[in-house]
Amino acid sequence: MKPSAILESALYVTDLDAAEAFYRDVIGLERIAKVDGRHVFFRCGQGILLLFDAEATRHAPPPDAKLPVPPHGTVGQGHLCFAATAAEIEAWKATLEAHGVAIEADFEWPSGGRSIYFRDPSGNSIEFAEPRIWGL
């Protein structure tokens, strides 16, 4: 047995409202769920991006919780990479810069494929890359 895909990816944020606005308004993702002060979830293609307030997710749910999700969380900057074609990366770069988002790195990988890196409002390292950097 082996997994067929990654269903969801999580980032931990310091300001849930700023993160929601960034991923909705700048990145263009569709919000599918929100619990004020705890999380906001977005659809991204066939996957889901989970944004959590790390402090809120460190606490165990009450014994009678409808959804007894175990506590989790992290401290510090995370990383997430979105897939994009070469043309899309160029368009993303222009879009990000138009929103005042600084491009931290922009380069071609030795095996082929381009990546751009930038930061979300919580300091997470976000990337757009051509899938061919992984032979996909």
Protein backbone atom coordinates (compact mmCIF):
# COMPACT_ATOMS: atom_id res chain seq x y z
CA MET A 1 0.00 0.00 0.00
CA LYS A 2 1.05 3.56 -0.68
CA PRO A 3 -0.87 6.85 -0.71
CA SER A 4 -2.11 8.04 -4.10
CA ALA A 5 -1.95 11.78 -3.39
CA ILE A 6 -1.66 14.44 -0.73
CA LEU A 7 -5.20 15.47 0.14
CA GLU A 8 -4.49 18.43 2.38
CA SER A 9 -1.54 20.58 3.38
CA ALA A 10 -1.38 22.81 6.45
CA LEU A 11 0.32 26.10 7.20
CA TYR A 12 0.29 27.77 10.59
CA VAL A 13 -0.31 31.51 10.60
CA THR A 14 0.02 34.34 13.07
CA ASP A 15 -2.89 36.46 11.78
CA LEU A 16 -5.79 34.41 10.44
CA ASP A 17 -7.61 37.39 8.91
CA ALA A 18 -4.50 38.60 7.05
CA ALA A 19 -3.79 35.05 5.85
CA GLU A 20 -7.38 34.61 4.67
CA ALA A 21 -7.25 37.88 2.72
CA PHE A 22 -3.89 36.97 1.16
CA TYR A 23 -4.84 33.48 -0.01
CA ARG A 24 -8.28 34.65 -1.18
CA ASP A 25 -7.46 38.01 -2.76
CA VAL A 26 -3.86 37.61 -3.95
CA ILE A 27 -3.59 33.86 -4.60
CA GLY A 28 -7.25 33.53 -5.66
CA LEU A 29 -8.21 30.41 -3.71
CA GLU A 30 -11.82 29.55 -2.90
CA ARG A 31 -12.58 29.53 0.83
CA ILE A 32 -14.57 26.45 1.81
CA ALA A 33 -14.62 26.62 5.62
CA LYS A 34 -13.79 28.98 8.45
CA VAL A 35 -13.90 28.95 12.24
CA ASP A 36 -13.02 32.39 13.61
CA GLY A 37 -9.86 32.35 15.67
CA ARG A 38 -8.97 28.77 14.71
CA HIS A 39 -8.77 28.04 10.98
CA VAL A 40 -9.68 28.87 7.40
CA PHE A 41 -9.64 26.25 4.64
CA PHE A 42 -9.29 26.74 0.87
CA ARG A 43 -9.78 24.53 -2.17
CA CYS A 44 -6.76 24.31 -4.48
CA GLY A 45 -7.29 22.06 -7.48
CA GLN A 46 -7.80 18.52 -6.17
CA GLY A 47 -6.38 19.41 -2.75
CA ILE A 48 -7.16 21.51 0.28
CA LEU A 49 -5.00 24.18 1.93
CA LEU A 50 -5.54 24.36 5.68
CA LEU A 51 -4.51 27.56 7.48
CA PHE A 52 -4.46 27.24 11.25
CA ASP A 53 -3.84 29.55 14.16
CA ALA A 54 -1.13 27.37 15.73
CA GLU A 55 -1.99 28.29 19.31
CA ALA A 56 -5.66 27.39 18.85
CA THR A 57 -4.82 23.94 17.45
CA ARG A 58 -2.48 23.00 20.30
CA HIS A 59 -5.40 22.37 22.64
CA ALA A 60 -7.14 19.00 22.75
CA PRO A 61 -10.83 19.03 21.84
CA PRO A 62 -13.34 18.51 24.65
CA PRO A 63 -14.24 14.87 25.37
CA ASP A 64 -17.68 15.31 23.75
CA ALA A 65 -16.37 17.00 20.57
CA LYS A 66 -18.22 16.12 17.38
CA LEU A 67 -14.86 16.03 15.53
CA PRO A 68 -12.14 14.81 17.92
CA VAL A 69 -9.16 15.99 15.85
CA PRO A 70 -5.97 15.55 17.93
CA PRO A 71 -4.01 18.69 18.83
CA HIS A 72 -1.30 19.83 16.41
CA GLY A 73 0.69 22.92 15.51
CA THR A 74 4.13 24.27 14.95
CA VAL A 75 6.21 27.35 15.55
CA GLY A 76 8.13 29.16 12.83
CA GLN A 77 7.97 29.47 9.11
CA GLY A 78 6.59 26.68 6.95
CA HIS A 79 6.81 26.04 3.23
CA LEU A 80 4.26 25.28 0.52
CA CYS A 81 4.72 25.03 -3.24
CA PHE A 82 1.98 25.55 -5.83
CA ALA A 83 2.35 23.96 -9.28
CA ALA A 84 2.50 26.33 -12.24
CA THR A 85 3.60 26.32 -15.87
CA ALA A 86 6.42 28.60 -17.04
CA ALA A 87 3.87 31.08 -18.45
CA GLU A 88 1.85 30.97 -15.23
CA ILE A 89 4.96 31.65 -13.15
CA GLU A 90 5.62 34.78 -15.19
CA ALA A 91 2.00 35.88 -14.67
CA TRP A 92 2.17 35.05 -10.94
CA LYS A 93 5.32 37.12 -10.59
CA ALA A 94 3.56 40.14 -12.11
CA THR A 95 0.44 39.58 -9.99
CA LEU A 96 2.40 39.25 -6.76
CA GLU A 97 4.48 42.34 -7.49
CA ALA A 98 1.29 44.29 -8.34
CA HIS A 99 0.03 43.37 -4.84
CA GLY A 100 3.28 44.57 -3.26
CA VAL A 101 4.57 41.06 -2.57
CA ALA A 102 8.35 40.87 -2.91
CA ILE A 103 9.83 37.97 -4.88
CA GLU A 104 12.50 36.48 -2.63
CA ALA A 105 14.06 34.17 -5.22
CA ASP A 106 13.55 33.44 -8.93
CA PHE A 107 15.69 30.77 -10.57
CA GLU A 108 15.96 27.76 -12.87
CA TRP A 109 16.72 24.39 -11.27
CA PRO A 110 19.77 22.48 -12.63
CA SER A 111 17.49 19.63 -13.76
CA GLY A 112 15.10 22.07 -15.46
CA GLY A 113 12.13 24.08 -14.32
CA ARG A 114 11.67 27.48 -12.72
CA SER A 115 10.66 28.48 -9.20
CA ILE A 116 9.73 31.77 -7.60
CA TYR A 117 9.60 32.20 -3.82
CA PHE A 118 7.86 34.82 -1.69
CA ARG A 119 6.43 35.16 1.83
CA ASP A 120 2.84 35.15 3.00
CA PRO A 121 1.76 37.61 5.74
CA SER A 122 2.90 35.13 8.46
CA GLY A 123 6.37 34.69 6.95
CA ASN A 124 5.74 31.25 5.46
CA SER A 125 7.89 30.52 2.40
CA ILE A 126 5.56 30.09 -0.57
CA GLU A 127 6.69 28.89 -3.98
CA PHE A 128 5.32 28.57 -7.48
CA ALA A 129 7.25 25.95 -9.46
CA GLU A 130 7.04 23.95 -12.64
CA PRO A 131 6.20 20.33 -11.78
CA ARG A 132 9.11 19.18 -13.92
CA ILE A 133 11.48 20.15 -11.09
CA TRP A 134 10.31 16.82 -9.63
CA GLY A 135 10.10 14.99 -12.94
CA LEU A 136 6.31 15.39 -13.05
